[in-house]
Amino acid sequence: MATKREDIVEATALLIKRQGVHAASISAIIAEANASAGSIYHHFGNKNEIVLEVARAKLAEPLRAAVLTPVAGPLSPAQIFGAIVGVVRAGAVEPPLIVQLWAGSYVDPELREILHTQFEDARVAMYRHLEEWLVARGVPDPADRVDAIARVTLGQAMGFLAQSTLDPGFDQDAYVAEATALLDAVARP
């Protein structure tokens, strides 16, 4: 059984997914969560704290788990992409929620910083995987290439998320196949 705090987070995530971060006012959260103002403020100091918890619980934690899961060796760009896609396909991360959080972070520097902070350890782990993978393949100057390869990998994942949300005819399997082939090729020496 969910706690009231979890109910508030879930209700806020639904509001953000349907209408955007701007629509998730405290009054809208109260109505969606069937909660009182006292209950909201018992668990959270303000709307930004609730949005932070939504970003952590519904986005950062599942993606972090995908990248930080212990493996026997470093992950390639295609494997990191596959892990992110796997989390989305399993339903642990909802593309419309991610797209709305991105949109909200565009106009809200505080939300942008929250999202950046939430993903920092996953980013560090991803860079470590990629650098070790490049070193194992004898790629010259792997430290110099990690940032660009990481950004290409994330760009492919972001493209998957955006198109999954915005294009009802999006062929996920074809995209994953092409993106995987691209990512396997991007890091050749």
N, C-alpha and C. Protein backbone atom coordinates (compact mmCIF):
# COMPACT_ATOMS: atom_id res chain seq x y z
N MET A 1 0.84 -1.18 0.00
CA MET A 1 0.00 0.00 0.00
C MET A 1 0.89 1.25 0.00
N ALA A 2 0.57 2.18 -0.86
CA ALA A 2 1.38 3.39 -1.01
C ALA A 2 1.17 4.33 0.18
N THR A 3 2.23 5.03 0.52
CA THR A 3 2.12 6.05 1.57
C THR A 3 1.53 7.32 0.96
N LYS A 4 1.12 8.24 1.82
CA LYS A 4 0.58 9.51 1.32
C LYS A 4 1.64 10.26 0.52
N ARG A 5 2.87 10.20 0.98
CA ARG A 5 3.97 10.84 0.25
C ARG A 5 4.07 10.27 -1.16
N GLU A 6 4.01 8.94 -1.28
CA GLU A 6 4.08 8.30 -2.59
C GLU A 6 2.87 8.67 -3.45
N ASP A 7 1.70 8.78 -2.81
CA ASP A 7 0.49 9.21 -3.54
C ASP A 7 0.67 10.61 -4.12
N ILE A 8 1.28 11.49 -3.33
CA ILE A 8 1.51 12.87 -3.78
C ILE A 8 2.48 12.88 -4.95
N VAL A 9 3.54 12.09 -4.86
CA VAL A 9 4.52 12.01 -5.95
C VAL A 9 3.87 11.44 -7.21
N GLU A 10 3.09 10.39 -7.06
CA GLU A 10 2.42 9.77 -8.21
C GLU A 10 1.43 10.75 -8.85
N ALA A 11 0.66 11.45 -8.04
CA ALA A 11 -0.30 12.43 -8.56
C ALA A 11 0.42 13.56 -9.29
N THR A 12 1.52 14.02 -8.74
CA THR A 12 2.29 15.08 -9.38
C THR A 12 2.88 14.60 -10.70
N ALA A 13 3.38 13.37 -10.72
CA ALA A 13 3.92 12.80 -11.96
C ALA A 13 2.83 12.74 -13.03
N LEU A 14 1.63 12.35 -12.66
CA LEU A 14 0.52 12.30 -13.63
C LEU A 14 0.19 13.69 -14.16
N LEU A 15 0.15 14.67 -13.27
CA LEU A 15 -0.12 16.05 -13.70
C LEU A 15 0.96 16.54 -14.68
N ILE A 16 2.20 16.31 -14.32
CA ILE A 16 3.31 16.75 -15.18
C ILE A 16 3.24 16.04 -16.52
N LYS A 17 3.00 14.74 -16.50
CA LYS A 17 2.93 13.96 -17.74
C LYS A 17 1.82 14.47 -18.66
N ARG A 18 0.67 14.78 -18.09
CA ARG A 18 -0.48 15.21 -18.89
C ARG A 18 -0.41 16.67 -19.32
N GLN A 19 0.08 17.56 -18.41
CA GLN A 19 -0.07 18.99 -18.65
C GLN A 19 1.21 19.80 -18.51
N GLY A 20 2.28 19.21 -18.06
CA GLY A 20 3.53 19.93 -17.91
C GLY A 20 3.79 20.37 -16.47
N VAL A 21 5.02 20.73 -16.22
CA VAL A 21 5.44 21.13 -14.87
C VAL A 21 4.66 22.35 -14.39
N HIS A 22 4.44 23.31 -15.30
CA HIS A 22 3.74 24.53 -14.91
C HIS A 22 2.34 24.27 -14.39
N ALA A 23 1.69 23.19 -14.84
CA ALA A 23 0.32 22.88 -14.43
C ALA A 23 0.26 22.20 -13.07
N ALA A 24 1.39 21.75 -12.58
CA ALA A 24 1.42 21.04 -11.30
C ALA A 24 1.53 22.04 -10.15
N SER A 25 0.51 22.86 -10.01
CA SER A 25 0.47 23.80 -8.89
C SER A 25 0.11 23.04 -7.62
N ILE A 26 0.35 23.64 -6.49
CA ILE A 26 0.00 22.99 -5.23
C ILE A 26 -1.50 22.67 -5.19
N SER A 27 -2.35 23.58 -5.65
CA SER A 27 -3.79 23.31 -5.64
C SER A 27 -4.14 22.15 -6.56
N ALA A 28 -3.50 22.06 -7.72
CA ALA A 28 -3.75 20.94 -8.64
C ALA A 28 -3.25 19.63 -8.03
N ILE A 29 -2.12 19.68 -7.35
CA ILE A 29 -1.58 18.48 -6.71
C ILE A 29 -2.52 18.02 -5.60
N ILE A 30 -3.03 18.96 -4.82
CA ILE A 30 -3.98 18.64 -3.75
C ILE A 30 -5.18 17.90 -4.34
N ALA A 31 -5.73 18.44 -5.42
CA ALA A 31 -6.91 17.83 -6.04
C ALA A 31 -6.58 16.46 -6.63
N GLU A 32 -5.47 16.34 -7.35
CA GLU A 32 -5.10 15.08 -8.01
C GLU A 32 -4.76 14.00 -6.99
N ALA A 33 -4.11 14.38 -5.90
CA ALA A 33 -3.70 13.41 -4.88
C ALA A 33 -4.79 13.15 -3.84
N ASN A 34 -5.88 13.91 -3.94
CA ASN A 34 -6.95 13.81 -2.95
C ASN A 34 -6.35 13.98 -1.55
N ALA A 35 -5.60 15.05 -1.42
CA ALA A 35 -4.87 15.33 -0.18
C ALA A 35 -5.23 16.72 0.32
N SER A 36 -4.87 17.00 1.51
CA SER A 36 -5.06 18.34 2.07
C SER A 36 -3.75 19.12 1.92
N ALA A 37 -3.86 20.43 2.04
CA ALA A 37 -2.66 21.27 2.01
C ALA A 37 -1.73 20.87 3.15
N GLY A 38 -2.30 20.57 4.29
CA GLY A 38 -1.49 20.15 5.44
C GLY A 38 -0.70 18.89 5.14
N SER A 39 -1.33 17.96 4.46
CA SER A 39 -0.65 16.72 4.10
C SER A 39 0.49 16.99 3.12
N ILE A 40 0.22 17.84 2.14
CA ILE A 40 1.26 18.19 1.17
C ILE A 40 2.45 18.81 1.89
N TYR A 41 2.16 19.82 2.73
CA TYR A 41 3.24 20.54 3.40
C TYR A 41 3.87 19.74 4.54
N HIS A 42 3.21 18.70 4.99
CA HIS A 42 3.83 17.79 5.98
C HIS A 42 4.98 17.03 5.32
N HIS A 43 4.79 16.67 4.04
CA HIS A 43 5.79 15.87 3.34
C HIS A 43 6.77 16.68 2.51
N PHE A 44 6.35 17.86 2.05
CA PHE A 44 7.19 18.67 1.16
C PHE A 44 7.09 20.14 1.54
N GLY A 45 8.18 20.85 1.39
CA GLY A 45 8.21 22.28 1.72
C GLY A 45 7.56 23.16 0.67
N ASN A 46 7.60 22.71 -0.60
CA ASN A 46 7.04 23.51 -1.69
C ASN A 46 6.93 22.64 -2.94
N LYS A 47 6.41 23.24 -3.99
CA LYS A 47 6.21 22.51 -5.25
C LYS A 47 7.54 21.98 -5.79
N ASN A 48 8.59 22.76 -5.72
CA ASN A 48 9.87 22.33 -6.27
C ASN A 48 10.39 21.06 -5.59
N GLU A 49 10.12 20.92 -4.30
CA GLU A 49 10.53 19.70 -3.61
C GLU A 49 9.76 18.49 -4.13
N ILE A 50 8.49 18.70 -4.46
CA ILE A 50 7.69 17.60 -5.02
C ILE A 50 8.21 17.24 -6.41
N VAL A 51 8.46 18.25 -7.22
CA VAL A 51 8.97 18.00 -8.58
C VAL A 51 10.34 17.31 -8.50
N LEU A 52 11.17 17.71 -7.56
CA LEU A 52 12.46 17.05 -7.36
C LEU A 52 12.25 15.57 -7.06
N GLU A 53 11.29 15.27 -6.19
CA GLU A 53 11.04 13.87 -5.84
C GLU A 53 10.48 13.09 -7.03
N VAL A 54 9.65 13.73 -7.84
CA VAL A 54 9.16 13.09 -9.07
C VAL A 54 10.34 12.78 -9.97
N ALA A 55 11.22 13.76 -10.17
CA ALA A 55 12.38 13.55 -11.05
C ALA A 55 13.28 12.44 -10.50
N ARG A 56 13.45 12.39 -9.19
CA ARG A 56 14.29 11.36 -8.59
C ARG A 56 13.65 9.99 -8.71
N ALA A 57 12.40 9.88 -8.28
CA ALA A 57 11.74 8.58 -8.19
C ALA A 57 11.33 8.01 -9.54
N LYS A 58 10.88 8.87 -10.43
CA LYS A 58 10.29 8.39 -11.68
C LYS A 58 11.24 8.44 -12.86
N LEU A 59 12.37 9.10 -12.69
CA LEU A 59 13.27 9.27 -13.81
C LEU A 59 14.70 8.89 -13.44
N ALA A 60 15.27 9.61 -12.48
CA ALA A 60 16.68 9.42 -12.16
C ALA A 60 16.98 8.03 -11.60
N GLU A 61 16.18 7.57 -10.64
CA GLU A 61 16.45 6.27 -10.02
C GLU A 61 16.40 5.11 -11.01
N PRO A 62 15.34 5.01 -11.84
CA PRO A 62 15.34 3.90 -12.81
C PRO A 62 16.49 3.98 -13.82
N LEU A 63 16.81 5.18 -14.29
CA LEU A 63 17.90 5.32 -15.25
C LEU A 63 19.25 5.08 -14.57
N ARG A 64 19.39 5.55 -13.36
CA ARG A 64 20.62 5.32 -12.61
C ARG A 64 20.83 3.82 -12.41
N ALA A 65 19.78 3.12 -12.06
CA ALA A 65 19.89 1.68 -11.84
C ALA A 65 20.34 0.98 -13.12
N ALA A 66 19.87 1.45 -14.27
CA ALA A 66 20.25 0.83 -15.54
C ALA A 66 21.73 1.01 -15.82
N VAL A 67 22.27 2.16 -15.51
CA VAL A 67 23.68 2.46 -15.82
C VAL A 67 24.61 1.99 -14.71
N LEU A 68 24.14 1.97 -13.48
CA LEU A 68 25.00 1.61 -12.36
C LEU A 68 24.94 0.13 -11.98
N THR A 69 24.09 -0.62 -12.63
CA THR A 69 23.99 -2.04 -12.33
C THR A 69 25.35 -2.69 -12.55
N PRO A 70 25.83 -3.42 -11.57
CA PRO A 70 27.14 -4.07 -11.74
C PRO A 70 27.12 -5.04 -12.92
N VAL A 71 28.15 -4.95 -13.72
CA VAL A 71 28.32 -5.84 -14.86
C VAL A 71 29.75 -6.36 -14.87
N ALA A 72 29.96 -7.42 -15.61
CA ALA A 72 31.30 -8.00 -15.71
C ALA A 72 32.05 -7.32 -16.85
N GLY A 73 32.46 -6.10 -16.61
CA GLY A 73 33.20 -5.36 -17.62
C GLY A 73 32.49 -4.07 -17.97
N PRO A 74 33.17 -3.20 -18.69
CA PRO A 74 32.56 -1.92 -19.04
C PRO A 74 31.48 -2.08 -20.10
N LEU A 75 30.54 -1.16 -20.10
CA LEU A 75 29.45 -1.14 -21.09
C LEU A 75 29.87 -0.33 -22.30
N SER A 76 29.51 -0.81 -23.47
CA SER A 76 29.76 -0.08 -24.71
C SER A 76 28.68 0.99 -24.87
N PRO A 77 28.86 1.92 -25.80
CA PRO A 77 27.81 2.90 -26.06
C PRO A 77 26.47 2.23 -26.40
N ALA A 78 26.50 1.21 -27.23
CA ALA A 78 25.27 0.52 -27.60
C ALA A 78 24.63 -0.17 -26.40
N GLN A 79 25.44 -0.71 -25.51
CA GLN A 79 24.89 -1.37 -24.32
C GLN A 79 24.27 -0.35 -23.36
N ILE A 80 24.89 0.82 -23.22
CA ILE A 80 24.31 1.87 -22.38
C ILE A 80 22.98 2.33 -22.97
N PHE A 81 22.96 2.55 -24.27
CA PHE A 81 21.72 2.91 -24.95
C PHE A 81 20.67 1.82 -24.72
N GLY A 82 21.07 0.57 -24.89
CA GLY A 82 20.15 -0.55 -24.69
C GLY A 82 19.60 -0.61 -23.28
N ALA A 83 20.44 -0.29 -22.29
CA ALA A 83 19.98 -0.29 -20.90
C ALA A 83 18.93 0.79 -20.68
N ILE A 84 19.15 1.96 -21.25
CA ILE A 84 18.17 3.05 -21.11
C ILE A 84 16.87 2.68 -21.80
N VAL A 85 16.96 2.18 -23.02
CA VAL A 85 15.77 1.77 -23.76
C VAL A 85 15.04 0.65 -22.99
N GLY A 86 15.80 -0.25 -22.41
CA GLY A 86 15.19 -1.35 -21.65
C GLY A 86 14.36 -0.86 -20.48
N VAL A 87 14.86 0.15 -19.78
CA VAL A 87 14.13 0.71 -18.66
C VAL A 87 12.83 1.36 -19.15
N VAL A 88 12.89 2.02 -20.28
CA VAL A 88 11.70 2.66 -20.84
C VAL A 88 10.70 1.59 -21.29
N ARG A 89 11.18 0.62 -22.01
CA ARG A 89 10.29 -0.44 -22.51
C ARG A 89 9.68 -1.25 -21.37
N ALA A 90 10.37 -1.38 -20.27
CA ALA A 90 9.84 -2.11 -19.12
C ALA A 90 8.79 -1.29 -18.36
N GLY A 91 8.66 -0.02 -18.73
CA GLY A 91 7.67 0.83 -18.08
C GLY A 91 8.15 1.54 -16.84
N ALA A 92 9.44 1.39 -16.50
CA ALA A 92 9.97 2.04 -15.30
C ALA A 92 10.13 3.54 -15.49
N VAL A 93 10.27 3.98 -16.74
CA VAL A 93 10.38 5.39 -17.08
C VAL A 93 9.38 5.66 -18.19
N GLU A 94 8.61 6.73 -18.03
CA GLU A 94 7.60 7.07 -19.02
C GLU A 94 8.08 8.23 -19.89
N PRO A 95 8.25 7.98 -21.19
CA PRO A 95 8.73 9.04 -22.07
C PRO A 95 7.96 10.37 -21.97
N PRO A 96 6.61 10.38 -21.90
CA PRO A 96 5.92 11.68 -21.80
C PRO A 96 6.33 12.47 -20.55
N LEU A 97 6.57 11.78 -19.45
CA LEU A 97 7.00 12.47 -18.22
C LEU A 97 8.38 13.09 -18.43
N ILE A 98 9.28 12.35 -19.05
CA ILE A 98 10.62 12.87 -19.31
C ILE A 98 10.55 14.10 -20.21
N VAL A 99 9.78 14.02 -21.27
CA VAL A 99 9.67 15.14 -22.20
C VAL A 99 9.11 16.37 -21.48
N GLN A 100 8.12 16.18 -20.63
CA GLN A 100 7.55 17.32 -19.89
C GLN A 100 8.57 17.90 -18.90
N LEU A 101 9.33 17.04 -18.23
CA LEU A 101 10.35 17.54 -17.31
C LEU A 101 11.43 18.30 -18.08
N TRP A 102 11.83 17.80 -19.26
CA TRP A 102 12.79 18.53 -20.09
C TRP A 102 12.23 19.90 -20.46
N ALA A 103 10.98 19.91 -20.91
CA ALA A 103 10.36 21.18 -21.31
C ALA A 103 10.32 22.15 -20.13
N GLY A 104 9.96 21.66 -18.97
CA GLY A 104 9.93 22.51 -17.79
C GLY A 104 11.30 23.03 -17.42
N SER A 105 12.32 22.21 -17.62
CA SER A 105 13.67 22.65 -17.26
C SER A 105 14.20 23.70 -18.22
N TYR A 106 13.63 23.77 -19.39
CA TYR A 106 14.05 24.79 -20.36
C TYR A 106 13.74 26.19 -19.85
N VAL A 107 12.60 26.34 -19.18
CA VAL A 107 12.19 27.66 -18.70
C VAL A 107 12.46 27.86 -17.21
N ASP A 108 12.82 26.79 -16.51
CA ASP A 108 13.03 26.88 -15.07
C ASP A 108 14.46 26.45 -14.73
N PRO A 109 15.36 27.42 -14.50
CA PRO A 109 16.76 27.07 -14.21
C PRO A 109 16.90 26.19 -12.97
N GLU A 110 16.03 26.36 -11.99
CA GLU A 110 16.11 25.54 -10.79
C GLU A 110 15.80 24.07 -11.12
N LEU A 111 14.77 23.85 -11.93
CA LEU A 111 14.45 22.49 -12.35
C LEU A 111 15.59 21.91 -13.18
N ARG A 112 16.18 22.72 -14.04
CA ARG A 112 17.31 22.26 -14.85
C ARG A 112 18.44 21.80 -13.94
N GLU A 113 18.72 22.56 -12.90
CA GLU A 113 19.78 22.18 -11.97
C GLU A 113 19.41 20.92 -11.20
N ILE A 114 18.14 20.79 -10.82
CA ILE A 114 17.67 19.59 -10.13
C ILE A 114 17.90 18.36 -11.00
N LEU A 115 17.49 18.44 -12.26
CA LEU A 115 17.66 17.30 -13.16
C LEU A 115 19.14 16.99 -13.37
N HIS A 116 19.95 18.03 -13.54
CA HIS A 116 21.40 17.83 -13.72
C HIS A 116 21.98 17.11 -12.50
N THR A 117 21.63 17.57 -11.32
CA THR A 117 22.15 16.99 -10.08
C THR A 117 21.71 15.54 -9.93
N GLN A 118 20.44 15.27 -10.25
CA GLN A 118 19.92 13.91 -10.11
C GLN A 118 20.66 12.91 -10.99
N PHE A 119 21.18 13.36 -12.11
CA PHE A 119 21.82 12.45 -13.06
C PHE A 119 23.34 12.43 -12.96
N GLU A 120 23.90 13.19 -12.04
CA GLU A 120 25.36 13.30 -12.01
C GLU A 120 26.05 11.97 -11.77
N ASP A 121 25.61 11.17 -10.80
CA ASP A 121 26.32 9.91 -10.56
C ASP A 121 26.13 8.93 -11.71
N ALA A 122 24.96 8.95 -12.37
CA ALA A 122 24.76 8.10 -13.54
C ALA A 122 25.68 8.56 -14.68
N ARG A 123 25.84 9.87 -14.83
CA ARG A 123 26.73 10.39 -15.87
C ARG A 123 28.17 9.96 -15.60
N VAL A 124 28.60 10.07 -14.36
CA VAL A 124 29.96 9.66 -14.00
C VAL A 124 30.16 8.17 -14.28
N ALA A 125 29.18 7.35 -13.92
CA ALA A 125 29.29 5.91 -14.17
C ALA A 125 29.33 5.62 -15.66
N MET A 126 28.50 6.33 -16.43
CA MET A 126 28.49 6.12 -17.87
C MET A 126 29.85 6.49 -18.47
N TYR A 127 30.42 7.62 -18.06
CA TYR A 127 31.73 8.03 -18.57
C TYR A 127 32.80 7.00 -18.21
N ARG A 128 32.72 6.46 -16.99
CA ARG A 128 33.69 5.45 -16.57
C ARG A 128 33.57 4.20 -17.44
N HIS A 129 32.35 3.73 -17.66
CA HIS A 129 32.13 2.57 -18.53
C HIS A 129 32.72 2.83 -19.91
N LEU A 130 32.40 3.98 -20.47
CA LEU A 130 32.84 4.28 -21.84
C LEU A 130 34.36 4.38 -21.93
N GLU A 131 34.98 5.04 -20.97
CA GLU A 131 36.44 5.17 -21.03
C GLU A 131 37.10 3.79 -20.91
N GLU A 132 36.62 2.97 -19.99
CA GLU A 132 37.19 1.62 -19.85
C GLU A 132 36.96 0.80 -21.11
N TRP A 133 35.80 0.96 -21.73
CA TRP A 133 35.49 0.23 -22.96
C TRP A 133 36.42 0.67 -24.09
N LEU A 134 36.65 1.97 -24.19
CA LEU A 134 37.55 2.50 -25.22
C LEU A 134 38.99 2.02 -25.00
N VAL A 135 39.44 2.04 -23.75
CA VAL A 135 40.79 1.58 -23.43
C VAL A 135 40.95 0.11 -23.81
N ALA A 136 39.95 -0.70 -23.48
CA ALA A 136 40.00 -2.14 -23.79
C ALA A 136 40.07 -2.40 -25.29
N ARG A 137 39.59 -1.47 -26.10
CA ARG A 137 39.61 -1.63 -27.55
C ARG A 137 40.80 -0.92 -28.20
N GLY A 138 41.68 -0.37 -27.39
CA GLY A 138 42.87 0.27 -27.92
C GLY A 138 42.62 1.58 -28.64
N VAL A 139 41.54 2.25 -28.30
CA VAL A 139 41.22 3.54 -28.94
C VAL A 139 42.22 4.58 -28.44
N PRO A 140 42.89 5.28 -29.36
CA PRO A 140 43.84 6.31 -28.94
C PRO A 140 43.13 7.46 -28.22
N ASP A 141 43.75 7.99 -27.20
CA ASP A 141 43.23 9.12 -26.43
C ASP A 141 41.77 8.93 -25.99
N PRO A 142 41.48 7.84 -25.27
CA PRO A 142 40.08 7.58 -24.91
C PRO A 142 39.48 8.68 -24.04
N ALA A 143 40.27 9.26 -23.17
CA ALA A 143 39.74 10.32 -22.30
C ALA A 143 39.26 11.52 -23.11
N ASP A 144 39.92 11.75 -24.25
CA ASP A 144 39.52 12.87 -25.11
C ASP A 144 38.23 12.59 -25.87
N ARG A 145 37.88 11.33 -26.03
CA ARG A 145 36.70 10.97 -26.83
C ARG A 145 35.46 10.66 -26.00
N VAL A 146 35.65 10.42 -24.71
CA VAL A 146 34.53 9.97 -23.87
C VAL A 146 33.37 10.95 -23.88
N ASP A 147 33.63 12.22 -23.72
CA ASP A 147 32.53 13.19 -23.63
C ASP A 147 31.67 13.18 -24.90
N ALA A 148 32.31 13.21 -26.05
CA ALA A 148 31.55 13.23 -27.31
C ALA A 148 30.76 11.93 -27.49
N ILE A 149 31.38 10.80 -27.18
CA ILE A 149 30.69 9.52 -27.34
C ILE A 149 29.53 9.42 -26.36
N ALA A 150 29.72 9.89 -25.13
CA ALA A 150 28.64 9.88 -24.14
C ALA A 150 27.47 10.74 -24.62
N ARG A 151 27.79 11.89 -25.19
CA ARG A 151 26.71 12.77 -25.67
C ARG A 151 25.97 12.18 -26.87
N VAL A 152 26.69 11.51 -27.74
CA VAL A 152 26.02 10.83 -28.87
C VAL A 152 25.12 9.72 -28.34
N THR A 153 25.61 8.98 -27.36
CA THR A 153 24.82 7.90 -26.76
C THR A 153 23.55 8.46 -26.12
N LEU A 154 23.70 9.51 -25.32
CA LEU A 154 22.53 10.13 -24.69
C LEU A 154 21.60 10.75 -25.73
N GLY A 155 22.19 11.32 -26.78
CA GLY A 155 21.36 11.89 -27.84
C GLY A 155 20.48 10.85 -28.49
N GLN A 156 21.02 9.67 -28.71
CA GLN A 156 20.21 8.59 -29.28
C GLN A 156 19.10 8.18 -28.31
N ALA A 157 19.42 8.12 -27.03
CA ALA A 157 18.40 7.77 -26.03
C ALA A 157 17.34 8.86 -25.95
N MET A 158 17.75 10.11 -25.99
CA MET A 158 16.79 11.22 -25.94
C MET A 158 15.90 11.21 -27.19
N GLY A 159 16.48 10.90 -28.33
CA GLY A 159 15.70 10.80 -29.55
C GLY A 159 14.66 9.69 -29.45
N PHE A 160 15.06 8.58 -28.87
CA PHE A 160 14.11 7.47 -28.66
C PHE A 160 12.96 7.91 -27.76
N LEU A 161 13.30 8.59 -26.67
CA LEU A 161 12.27 9.04 -25.73
C LEU A 161 11.32 10.06 -26.36
N ALA A 162 11.89 11.03 -27.06
CA ALA A 162 11.06 12.07 -27.68
C ALA A 162 10.16 11.48 -28.75
N GLN A 163 10.72 10.65 -29.61
CA GLN A 163 9.90 10.09 -30.68
C GLN A 163 8.86 9.11 -30.16
N SER A 164 9.19 8.39 -29.08
CA SER A 164 8.21 7.50 -28.46
C SER A 164 7.01 8.29 -27.95
N THR A 165 7.25 9.52 -27.54
CA THR A 165 6.19 10.38 -27.02
C THR A 165 5.42 11.08 -28.13
N LEU A 166 6.13 11.57 -29.11
CA LEU A 166 5.52 12.49 -30.07
C LEU A 166 5.04 11.86 -31.38
N ASP A 167 5.52 10.66 -31.70
CA ASP A 167 5.20 10.05 -32.99
C ASP A 167 4.45 8.74 -32.78
N PRO A 168 3.13 8.73 -32.99
CA PRO A 168 2.36 7.50 -32.77
C PRO A 168 2.76 6.36 -33.70
N GLY A 169 3.38 6.66 -34.82
CA GLY A 169 3.81 5.63 -35.76
C GLY A 169 5.28 5.24 -35.61
N PHE A 170 5.90 5.69 -34.55
CA PHE A 170 7.33 5.47 -34.34
C PHE A 170 7.64 3.98 -34.24
N ASP A 171 8.55 3.49 -35.06
CA ASP A 171 8.96 2.09 -35.05
C ASP A 171 10.16 1.97 -34.10
N GLN A 172 9.87 1.62 -32.86
CA GLN A 172 10.91 1.54 -31.84
C GLN A 172 11.98 0.52 -32.20
N ASP A 173 11.56 -0.63 -32.69
CA ASP A 173 12.53 -1.69 -33.00
C ASP A 173 13.52 -1.25 -34.09
N ALA A 174 13.00 -0.61 -35.13
CA ALA A 174 13.88 -0.14 -36.21
C ALA A 174 14.84 0.93 -35.69
N TYR A 175 14.34 1.84 -34.86
CA TYR A 175 15.19 2.89 -34.30
C TYR A 175 16.30 2.27 -33.44
N VAL A 176 15.92 1.33 -32.58
CA VAL A 176 16.91 0.70 -31.70
C VAL A 176 17.97 -0.02 -32.53
N ALA A 177 17.55 -0.72 -33.57
CA ALA A 177 18.52 -1.43 -34.42
C ALA A 177 19.49 -0.46 -35.08
N GLU A 178 18.98 0.63 -35.64
CA GLU A 178 19.84 1.61 -36.31
C GLU A 178 20.73 2.35 -35.31
N ALA A 179 20.16 2.74 -34.18
CA ALA A 179 20.94 3.46 -33.18
C ALA A 179 22.04 2.58 -32.61
N THR A 180 21.74 1.31 -32.40
CA THR A 180 22.75 0.38 -31.89
C THR A 180 23.90 0.25 -32.89
N ALA A 181 23.57 0.11 -34.17
CA ALA A 181 24.61 0.01 -35.20
C ALA A 181 25.45 1.29 -35.23
N LEU A 182 24.80 2.43 -35.13
CA LEU A 182 25.51 3.71 -35.12
C LEU A 182 26.44 3.80 -33.92
N LEU A 183 25.93 3.44 -32.76
CA LEU A 183 26.74 3.56 -31.55
C LEU A 183 27.89 2.56 -31.54
N ASP A 184 27.69 1.39 -32.10
CA ASP A 184 28.80 0.44 -32.20
C ASP A 184 29.91 1.00 -33.09
N ALA A 185 29.52 1.76 -34.10
CA ALA A 185 30.49 2.30 -35.05
C ALA A 185 31.17 3.57 -34.56
N VAL A 186 30.51 4.34 -33.71
CA VAL A 186 31.01 5.66 -33.34
C VAL A 186 32.35 5.61 -32.59
N ALA A 187 32.62 4.55 -31.91
CA ALA A 187 33.81 4.50 -31.06
C ALA A 187 34.96 3.68 -31.66
N ARG A 188 34.90 3.42 -32.93
CA ARG A 188 36.01 2.69 -33.56
C ARG A 188 37.26 3.56 -33.56
N PRO A 189 38.42 2.92 -33.40
CA PRO A 189 39.67 3.69 -33.40
C PRO A 189 39.93 4.36 -34.75
